[in-house]
């Protein structure tokens, strides 16, 4: 489980909880949030996200912008995910406790 303040990312149950309430989230958006949170502290390139989340599917950069928008709204805090123009994204929140 990843915890960042009032946000919990439960990778075993594929759930995101904000202030204890489970949020409905599309699978790819969950993967986007989870991947960024697990690799916090560095910029994740667009290509890395596409490779890791979409694999061999042919999708463009627009899908990443869509995921980022949905993720920020779902988490209720736009500042948790930073956009690095023309490069990628970064998770900027500090963990509330260690990974389990």
Protein backbone atom coordinates (compact mmCIF):
# COMPACT_ATOMS: atom_id res chain seq x y z
CA UNK A 1 0.00 0.00 0.00
CA UNK A 2 1.22 3.47 -0.88
CA UNK A 3 0.11 6.33 1.36
CA UNK A 4 0.41 10.02 0.66
CA UNK A 5 -1.44 12.05 3.28
CA UNK A 6 -5.14 11.28 2.87
CA UNK A 7 -4.55 9.25 -0.33
CA UNK A 8 -4.04 5.47 -0.29
CA UNK A 9 -3.12 3.43 -3.35
CA UNK A 10 -3.84 -0.24 -2.74
CA UNK A 11 -2.13 -2.13 -5.54
CA UNK A 12 -3.34 -5.54 -4.33
CA UNK A 13 -7.02 -4.53 -4.47
CA UNK A 14 -6.61 -2.06 -7.35
CA UNK A 15 -8.23 0.66 -5.25
CA UNK A 16 -7.55 4.29 -4.61
CA UNK A 17 -8.97 5.78 -1.44
CA UNK A 18 -9.19 9.48 -0.74
CA UNK A 19 -9.96 10.31 2.89
CA UNK A 20 -11.01 6.68 3.32
CA UNK A 21 -13.48 6.63 0.43
CA UNK A 22 -12.88 4.27 -2.49
CA UNK A 23 -12.77 6.17 -5.77
CA UNK A 24 -13.99 4.69 -9.03
CA UNK A 25 -11.07 4.61 -11.39
CA UNK A 26 -10.45 3.23 -14.86
CA UNK A 27 -7.78 0.49 -14.96
CA UNK A 28 -5.31 2.48 -17.08
CA UNK A 29 -5.74 5.57 -14.90
CA UNK A 30 -5.09 3.41 -11.84
CA UNK A 31 -1.94 2.07 -13.51
CA UNK A 32 -0.85 5.62 -14.40
CA UNK A 33 -1.26 6.83 -10.81
CA UNK A 34 0.33 3.73 -9.32
CA UNK A 35 3.33 3.82 -11.66
CA UNK A 36 4.02 7.48 -10.98
CA UNK A 37 3.66 7.01 -7.21
CA UNK A 38 5.99 3.98 -7.15
CA UNK A 39 8.60 5.94 -9.12
CA UNK A 40 8.21 9.21 -7.26
CA UNK A 41 11.08 11.62 -7.15
CA UNK A 42 11.98 11.43 -10.82
CA UNK A 43 10.52 12.43 -14.15
CA UNK A 44 8.84 9.51 -15.89
CA UNK A 45 9.10 10.04 -19.62
CA UNK A 46 6.08 9.80 -21.83
CA UNK A 47 7.66 6.87 -23.65
CA UNK A 48 8.28 4.96 -20.41
CA UNK A 49 4.66 5.43 -19.36
CA UNK A 50 3.39 4.33 -22.75
CA UNK A 51 5.66 1.27 -22.73
CA UNK A 52 4.88 0.25 -19.15
CA UNK A 53 1.13 0.87 -19.13
CA UNK A 54 0.01 0.39 -22.73
CA UNK A 55 2.71 -2.01 -23.89
CA UNK A 56 2.38 -2.81 -27.56
CA UNK A 57 -0.87 -0.86 -28.02
CA UNK A 58 -0.59 2.02 -30.43
CA UNK A 59 -1.69 5.11 -28.53
CA UNK A 60 -0.45 8.69 -28.61
CA UNK A 61 0.62 11.26 -26.07
CA UNK A 62 -2.95 12.54 -25.77
CA UNK A 63 -3.88 9.46 -23.74
CA UNK A 64 -1.32 10.50 -21.12
CA UNK A 65 -2.72 14.02 -20.86
CA UNK A 66 -6.19 12.51 -20.43
CA UNK A 67 -4.96 10.17 -17.68
CA UNK A 68 -3.19 13.01 -15.89
CA UNK A 69 -6.33 15.16 -16.00
CA UNK A 70 -8.56 12.37 -14.68
CA UNK A 71 -5.99 11.41 -12.03
CA UNK A 72 -5.67 14.97 -10.71
CA UNK A 73 -9.45 15.33 -10.48
CA UNK A 74 -9.84 11.92 -8.82
CA UNK A 75 -7.14 12.64 -6.24
CA UNK A 76 -8.59 16.07 -5.51
CA UNK A 77 -5.18 17.72 -5.70
CA UNK A 78 -3.74 18.83 -9.01
CA UNK A 79 -0.32 19.47 -7.48
CA UNK A 80 0.38 15.77 -6.75
CA UNK A 81 1.26 15.10 -10.39
CA UNK A 82 3.62 17.51 -12.09
CA UNK A 83 3.75 17.86 -15.85
CA UNK A 84 7.24 18.31 -17.23
CA UNK A 85 6.61 19.93 -20.63
CA UNK A 86 7.60 17.80 -23.62
CA UNK A 87 9.17 15.21 -21.30
CA UNK A 88 6.70 13.45 -19.04
CA UNK A 89 5.24 13.45 -15.55
CA UNK A 90 6.39 13.29 -11.97
CA UNK A 91 4.71 12.34 -8.69
CA UNK A 92 5.66 15.06 -6.22
CA UNK A 93 3.90 14.00 -2.99
CA UNK A 94 5.97 12.60 -0.16
CA UNK A 95 4.87 9.26 1.29
CA UNK A 96 3.00 9.26 4.61
CA UNK A 97 4.83 6.05 5.55
CA UNK A 98 6.98 3.37 3.98
CA UNK A 99 5.84 0.98 1.26
CA UNK A 100 4.46 -2.28 2.53
